[in-house]
C-alpha atoms as a PDB file:
ATOM      1  CA  MET A   1       7.143  14.637 -19.539  1.00  0.00           C
ATOM      2  CA  PRO A   2       6.765  15.681 -15.920  1.00  0.00           C
ATOM      3  CA  ASP A   3       5.910  19.238 -15.024  1.00  0.00           C
ATOM      4  CA  SER A   4       9.225  21.022 -14.531  1.00  0.00           C
ATOM      5  CA  ARG A   5       7.656  23.036 -11.703  1.00  0.00           C
ATOM      6  CA  LEU A   6       7.451  19.921  -9.528  1.00  0.00           C
ATOM      7  CA  SER A   7      10.093  20.115  -6.892  1.00  0.00           C
ATOM      8  CA  ASP A   8      12.770  17.472  -7.110  1.00  0.00           C
ATOM      9  CA  PRO A   9      12.117  15.484  -3.922  1.00  0.00           C
ATOM     10  CA  GLN A  10      14.951  14.120  -1.874  1.00  0.00           C
ATOM     11  CA  PRO A  11      15.186  10.327  -1.832  1.00  0.00           C
ATOM     12  CA  VAL A  12      13.540   8.671   1.142  1.00  0.00           C
ATOM     13  CA  ARG A  13      15.700   6.195   2.986  1.00  0.00           C
ATOM     14  CA  ALA A  14      14.067   2.804   2.979  1.00  0.00           C
ATOM     15  CA  VAL A  15      14.990   2.337   6.638  1.00  0.00           C
ATOM     16  CA  ALA A  16      12.948   5.450   7.522  1.00  0.00           C
ATOM     17  CA  LEU A  17       9.872   3.954   5.856  1.00  0.00           C
ATOM     18  CA  LEU A  18      10.503   0.628   7.563  1.00  0.00           C
ATOM     19  CA  HIS A  19      10.537   2.374  10.937  1.00  0.00           C
ATOM     20  CA  GLN A  20       7.338   4.260  10.087  1.00  0.00           C
ATOM     21  CA  GLU A  21       5.575   1.069   9.015  1.00  0.00           C
ATOM     22  CA  GLY A  22       6.861  -0.712  12.116  1.00  0.00           C
ATOM     23  CA  VAL A  23       5.203   1.936  14.276  1.00  0.00           C
ATOM     24  CA  LEU A  24       1.921   1.526  12.348  1.00  0.00           C
ATOM     25  CA  GLY A  25       2.149  -2.227  12.845  1.00  0.00           C
ATOM     26  CA  LEU A  26       2.766  -1.852  16.576  1.00  0.00           C
ATOM     27  CA  ILE A  27      -0.209   0.487  16.888  1.00  0.00           C
ATOM     28  CA  ALA A  28      -2.336  -2.116  15.105  1.00  0.00           C
ATOM     29  CA  ILE A  29      -1.145  -4.966  17.342  1.00  0.00           C
ATOM     30  CA  VAL A  30      -1.721  -2.949  20.523  1.00  0.00           C
ATOM     31  CA  GLY A  31      -5.172  -1.877  19.325  1.00  0.00           C
ATOM     32  CA  LEU A  32      -6.105  -5.414  18.332  1.00  0.00           C
ATOM     33  CA  SER A  33      -4.959  -6.641  21.757  1.00  0.00           C
ATOM     34  CA  PHE A  34      -7.866  -4.769  23.321  1.00  0.00           C
ATOM     35  CA  ARG A  35     -10.387  -6.488  21.079  1.00  0.00           C
ATOM     36  CA  GLY A  36     -11.981  -9.778  22.063  1.00  0.00           C
ATOM     37  CA  GLY A  37      -9.890 -12.606  20.659  1.00  0.00           C
ATOM     38  CA  GLY A  38      -6.775 -10.435  20.382  1.00  0.00           C
ATOM     39  CA  PRO A  39      -4.546  -9.872  17.364  1.00  0.00           C
ATOM     40  CA  ILE A  40      -4.467 -13.486  16.215  1.00  0.00           C
ATOM     41  CA  GLN A  41      -8.257 -13.681  15.950  1.00  0.00           C
ATOM     42  CA  ALA A  42      -8.391 -10.459  13.916  1.00  0.00           C
ATOM     43  CA  LEU A  43      -5.673 -11.559  11.489  1.00  0.00           C
ATOM     44  CA  VAL A  44      -6.871 -15.052  10.577  1.00  0.00           C
ATOM     45  CA  PRO A  45      -8.448 -15.630   7.169  1.00  0.00           C
ATOM     46  CA  THR A  46     -12.196 -16.053   6.879  1.00  0.00           C
ATOM     47  CA  ILE A  47     -11.701 -18.700   4.164  1.00  0.00           C
ATOM     48  CA  ALA A  48      -9.032 -21.393   3.733  1.00  0.00           C
ATOM     49  CA  PRO A  49      -5.592 -19.799   4.245  1.00  0.00           C
ATOM     50  CA  ALA A  50      -4.243 -20.887   0.854  1.00  0.00           C
ATOM     51  CA  ALA A  51      -7.355 -19.576  -0.878  1.00  0.00           C
ATOM     52  CA  SER A  52      -7.107 -16.268   1.000  1.00  0.00           C
ATOM     53  CA  LEU A  53      -3.469 -15.810  -0.022  1.00  0.00           C
ATOM     54  CA  ALA A  54      -4.145 -16.861  -3.621  1.00  0.00           C
ATOM     55  CA  LEU A  55      -7.067 -14.450  -3.866  1.00  0.00           C
ATOM     56  CA  GLY A  56      -4.900 -11.648  -2.472  1.00  0.00           C
ATOM     57  CA  VAL A  57      -2.002 -12.328  -4.833  1.00  0.00           C
ATOM     58  CA  GLY A  58      -4.396 -12.481  -7.785  1.00  0.00           C
ATOM     59  CA  ALA A  59      -6.083  -9.220  -6.797  1.00  0.00           C
ATOM     60  CA  GLY A  60      -2.687  -7.574  -6.308  1.00  0.00           C
ATOM     61  CA  LEU A  61      -1.473  -8.709  -9.720  1.00  0.00           C
ATOM     62  CA  GLY A  62      -4.744  -7.619 -11.352  1.00  0.00           C
ATOM     63  CA  SER A  63      -4.583  -4.187  -9.718  1.00  0.00           C
ATOM     64  CA  SER A  64      -0.937  -3.803 -10.723  1.00  0.00           C
ATOM     65  CA  LEU A  65      -1.798  -4.758 -14.305  1.00  0.00           C
ATOM     66  CA  VAL A  66      -4.531  -2.117 -14.463  1.00  0.00           C
ATOM     67  CA  LEU A  67      -2.093   0.505 -13.163  1.00  0.00           C
ATOM     68  CA  TRP A  68       0.517  -0.616 -15.712  1.00  0.00           C
ATOM     69  CA  PHE A  69      -1.965  -0.237 -18.586  1.00  0.00           C
ATOM     70  CA  VAL A  70      -2.783   3.375 -17.629  1.00  0.00           C
ATOM     71  CA  ARG A  71       0.813   4.342 -16.743  1.00  0.00           C
ATOM     72  CA  GLU A  72       1.120   6.729 -19.713  1.00  0.00           C
ATOM     73  CA  LEU A  73      -1.675   9.060 -18.552  1.00  0.00           C
ATOM     74  CA  PRO A  74      -0.090  12.484 -17.931  1.00  0.00           C
ATOM     75  CA  PRO A  75      -0.986  12.680 -14.214  1.00  0.00           C
ATOM     76  CA  LEU A  76       0.483   9.201 -13.727  1.00  0.00           C
ATOM     77  CA  LEU A  77       3.673  10.157 -15.562  1.00  0.00           C
ATOM     78  CA  GLU A  78       4.156  13.075 -13.155  1.00  0.00           C
ATOM     79  CA  LEU A  79       3.441  10.833 -10.192  1.00  0.00           C
ATOM     80  CA  GLN A  80       5.882   8.237 -11.509  1.00  0.00           C
ATOM     81  CA  TRP A  81       8.562  10.906 -11.963  1.00  0.00           C
ATOM     82  CA  PHE A  82       8.035  12.063  -8.373  1.00  0.00           C
ATOM     83  CA  GLN A  83       8.019   8.550  -6.938  1.00  0.00           C
ATOM     84  CA  GLN A  84      11.133   7.515  -8.884  1.00  0.00           C
ATOM     85  CA  ARG A  85      13.040  10.268  -7.128  1.00  0.00           C
ATOM     86  CA  LEU A  86      11.783   9.110  -3.752  1.00  0.00           C
ATOM     87  CA  VAL A  87      13.283   5.640  -4.252  1.00  0.00           C
ATOM     88  CA  ARG A  88      16.601   6.749  -5.788  1.00  0.00           C
ATOM     89  CA  GLY A  89      19.386   4.529  -4.567  1.00  0.00           C
ATOM     90  CA  TRP A  90      17.130   1.789  -3.230  1.00  0.00           C
ATOM     91  CA  THR A  91      18.262  -1.803  -3.607  1.00  0.00           C
ATOM     92  CA  ILE A  92      15.950  -4.640  -4.546  1.00  0.00           C
ATOM     93  CA  SER A  93      16.048  -5.661  -0.873  1.00  0.00           C
ATOM     94  CA  ASP A  94      14.927  -2.167   0.152  1.00  0.00           C
ATOM     95  CA  ALA A  95      11.971  -2.287  -2.251  1.00  0.00           C
ATOM     96  CA  VAL A  96      10.887  -5.765  -1.171  1.00  0.00           C
ATOM     97  CA  ALA A  97      11.276  -5.004   2.550  1.00  0.00           C
ATOM     98  CA  VAL A  98       9.208  -1.819   2.285  1.00  0.00           C
ATOM     99  CA  ALA A  99       6.561  -3.604   0.183  1.00  0.00           C
ATOM    100  CA  VAL A 100       6.230  -6.441   2.694  1.00  0.00           C
ATOM    101  CA  LEU A 101       6.235  -4.396   5.888  1.00  0.00           C
ATOM    102  CA  SER A 102       3.926  -1.689   4.535  1.00  0.00           C
ATOM    103  CA  GLY A 103       1.447  -4.296   3.293  1.00  0.00           C
ATOM    104  CA  LEU A 104       1.433  -6.159   6.607  1.00  0.00           C
ATOM    105  CA  ALA A 105       1.327  -3.089   8.866  1.00  0.00           C
ATOM    106  CA  GLU A 106      -1.121  -0.911   6.931  1.00  0.00           C
ATOM    107  CA  GLU A 107      -3.576  -3.769   6.454  1.00  0.00           C
ATOM    108  CA  ALA A 108      -3.390  -4.698  10.138  1.00  0.00           C
ATOM    109  CA  LEU A 109      -4.074  -1.084  11.104  1.00  0.00           C
ATOM    110  CA  LEU A 110      -6.609  -0.020   8.495  1.00  0.00           C
ATOM    111  CA  ARG A 111      -8.439  -3.230   7.707  1.00  0.00           C
ATOM    112  CA  ALA A 112      -8.128  -5.487  10.769  1.00  0.00           C
ATOM    113  CA  LEU A 113      -8.264  -2.782  13.448  1.00  0.00           C
ATOM    114  CA  LEU A 114     -10.197   0.151  11.990  1.00  0.00           C
ATOM    115  CA  GLN A 115     -12.445  -1.148   9.205  1.00  0.00           C
ATOM    116  CA  PRO A 116     -14.650  -3.282  11.499  1.00  0.00           C
ATOM    117  CA  VAL A 117     -15.202  -0.184  13.658  1.00  0.00           C
ATOM    118  CA  ILE A 118     -15.504   2.660  11.114  1.00  0.00           C
ATOM    119  CA  GLY A 119     -16.517   0.814   7.940  1.00  0.00           C
ATOM    120  CA  LEU A 120     -15.107   0.184   4.475  1.00  0.00           C
ATOM    121  CA  LEU A 121     -15.271   3.666   2.928  1.00  0.00           C
ATOM    122  CA  PRO A 122     -13.902   5.568   5.949  1.00  0.00           C
ATOM    123  CA  ALA A 123     -11.017   3.071   6.173  1.00  0.00           C
ATOM    124  CA  ALA A 124     -10.345   3.575   2.443  1.00  0.00           C
ATOM    125  CA  GLY A 125     -10.462   7.332   3.060  1.00  0.00           C
ATOM    126  CA  LEU A 126      -7.838   7.046   5.805  1.00  0.00           C
ATOM    127  CA  PHE A 127      -5.712   4.961   3.442  1.00  0.00           C
ATOM    128  CA  ALA A 128      -5.979   7.769   0.871  1.00  0.00           C
ATOM    129  CA  LEU A 129      -4.932  10.315   3.518  1.00  0.00           C
ATOM    130  CA  LEU A 130      -1.786   8.278   4.181  1.00  0.00           C
ATOM    131  CA  HIS A 131      -0.902   8.834   0.515  1.00  0.00           C
ATOM    132  CA  LEU A 132      -1.391  12.603   0.360  1.00  0.00           C
ATOM    133  CA  VAL A 133       1.506  14.525  -1.149  1.00  0.00           C
ATOM    134  CA  PRO A 134       1.980  18.241  -0.461  1.00  0.00           C
ATOM    135  CA  ASP A 135       1.824  19.047  -4.180  1.00  0.00           C
ATOM    136  CA  ARG A 136      -1.638  19.262  -5.691  1.00  0.00           C
ATOM    137  CA  ARG A 137      -0.325  18.208  -9.107  1.00  0.00           C
ATOM    138  CA  LEU A 138       0.098  14.763  -7.581  1.00  0.00           C
ATOM    139  CA  TRP A 139      -3.614  14.545  -6.738  1.00  0.00           C
ATOM    140  CA  LEU A 140      -3.925  11.151  -8.387  1.00  0.00           C
ATOM    141  CA  TRP A 141      -1.919   9.292  -5.725  1.00  0.00           C
ATOM    142  CA  PRO A 142      -4.563   9.560  -2.969  1.00  0.00           C
ATOM    143  CA  VAL A 143      -7.325   8.918  -5.539  1.00  0.00           C
ATOM    144  CA  ILE A 144      -5.635   5.673  -6.588  1.00  0.00           C
ATOM    145  CA  ALA A 145      -5.023   4.847  -2.915  1.00  0.00           C
ATOM    146  CA  PHE A 146      -8.734   5.339  -2.153  1.00  0.00           C
ATOM    147  CA  ALA A 147      -9.763   3.016  -4.999  1.00  0.00           C
ATOM    148  CA  LEU A 148      -7.210   0.412  -3.932  1.00  0.00           C
ATOM    149  CA  GLY A 149      -8.338   0.880  -0.313  1.00  0.00           C
ATOM    150  CA  VAL A 150     -11.851  -0.121  -1.375  1.00  0.00           C
ATOM    151  CA  VAL A 151     -10.481  -3.187  -3.173  1.00  0.00           C
ATOM    152  CA  LEU A 152      -8.348  -4.136  -0.154  1.00  0.00           C
ATOM    153  CA  GLY A 153     -11.290  -3.574   2.173  1.00  0.00           C
ATOM    154  CA  LEU A 154     -13.521  -5.828   0.087  1.00  0.00           C
ATOM    155  CA  LEU A 155     -10.807  -8.484   0.122  1.00  0.00           C
ATOM    156  CA  TYR A 156     -10.578  -8.155   3.899  1.00  0.00           C
ATOM    157  CA  ASP A 157     -14.352  -8.489   4.273  1.00  0.00           C
ATOM    158  CA  GLY A 158     -14.521 -11.506   1.961  1.00  0.00           C
ATOM    159  CA  ALA A 159     -11.348 -13.445   2.682  1.00  0.00           C
ATOM    160  CA  GLY A 160      -9.706 -11.883   5.738  1.00  0.00           C
ATOM    161  CA  TYR A 161      -6.430 -10.211   6.563  1.00  0.00           C
ATOM    162  CA  PRO A 162      -4.107 -12.527   4.591  1.00  0.00           C
ATOM    163  CA  ALA A 163      -5.874 -11.693   1.316  1.00  0.00           C
ATOM    164  CA  ALA A 164      -5.744  -7.933   1.894  1.00  0.00           C
ATOM    165  CA  ALA A 165      -2.130  -8.028   3.087  1.00  0.00           C
ATOM    166  CA  ALA A 166      -1.003 -10.243   0.177  1.00  0.00           C
ATOM    167  CA  ALA A 167      -2.676  -7.945  -2.359  1.00  0.00           C
ATOM    168  CA  HIS A 168      -1.131  -4.859  -0.750  1.00  0.00           C
ATOM    169  CA  ILE A 169       2.332  -6.464  -0.736  1.00  0.00           C
ATOM    170  CA  VAL A 170       2.059  -7.467  -4.403  1.00  0.00           C
ATOM    171  CA  ILE A 171       0.851  -4.001  -5.476  1.00  0.00           C
ATOM    172  CA  ASN A 172       3.651  -2.279  -3.575  1.00  0.00           C
ATOM    173  CA  ALA A 173       6.315  -4.738  -4.742  1.00  0.00           C
ATOM    174  CA  CYS A 174       5.298  -4.369  -8.393  1.00  0.00           C
ATOM    175  CA  ALA A 175       5.274  -0.574  -8.113  1.00  0.00           C
ATOM    176  CA  LEU A 176       8.513  -0.221  -6.141  1.00  0.00           C
ATOM    177  CA  LEU A 177      10.458  -2.680  -8.262  1.00  0.00           C
ATOM    178  CA  ARG A 178       9.224  -0.978 -11.434  1.00  0.00           C
ATOM    179  CA  LEU A 179      10.161   2.471 -10.091  1.00  0.00           C
ATOM    180  CA  ARG A 180      13.556   1.173  -9.079  1.00  0.00           C
ATOM    181  CA  ARG A 181      14.096  -0.344 -12.535  1.00  0.00           C
ATOM    182  CA  LEU A 182      13.129   2.934 -14.229  1.00  0.00           C
ATOM    183  CA  GLN A 183      15.660   4.981 -12.281  1.00  0.00           C
ATOM    184  CA  GLU A 184      17.973   7.077 -14.357  1.00  0.00           C
ATOM    185  CA  PRO A 185      21.558   5.761 -14.471  1.00  0.00           C
END
């Protein structure tokens, strides 16, 4: 049962998140434009495209499965309660759109643009900062984000942007669709 002292957050409109992720994506594209080879060069896979995507989808499903198995841990139950309220009223289209755009934009910014410059762990740290919540009882969200940031960064290093983006999209889609399904009637 979630801590009753947690504030009941207002739902976040999916369109607001889509705008936010669009801005992150634009920042990434502009930043990558200043790099030799431009955005296209930074976003191509380092292995065969199909293999990169398959590796990313597999890693995303594996990460989602791990999170599903530990979903009953008390800190995760509180986090789930909080997140369910954030996505109240979302349609399946909202969840999928946010999952896709956030995976594409955040991986372009954090992995393709920043990770080659600042390194794997600092990029994972920035990813964790993007997931901070102003309630310390929800401390597990940035911790999980850091761990997943390391996984995504390793995917980026080994297979390129498509693998990291595909994994991120799958993780977000699984989480958002599950949260949406769990919403109270």
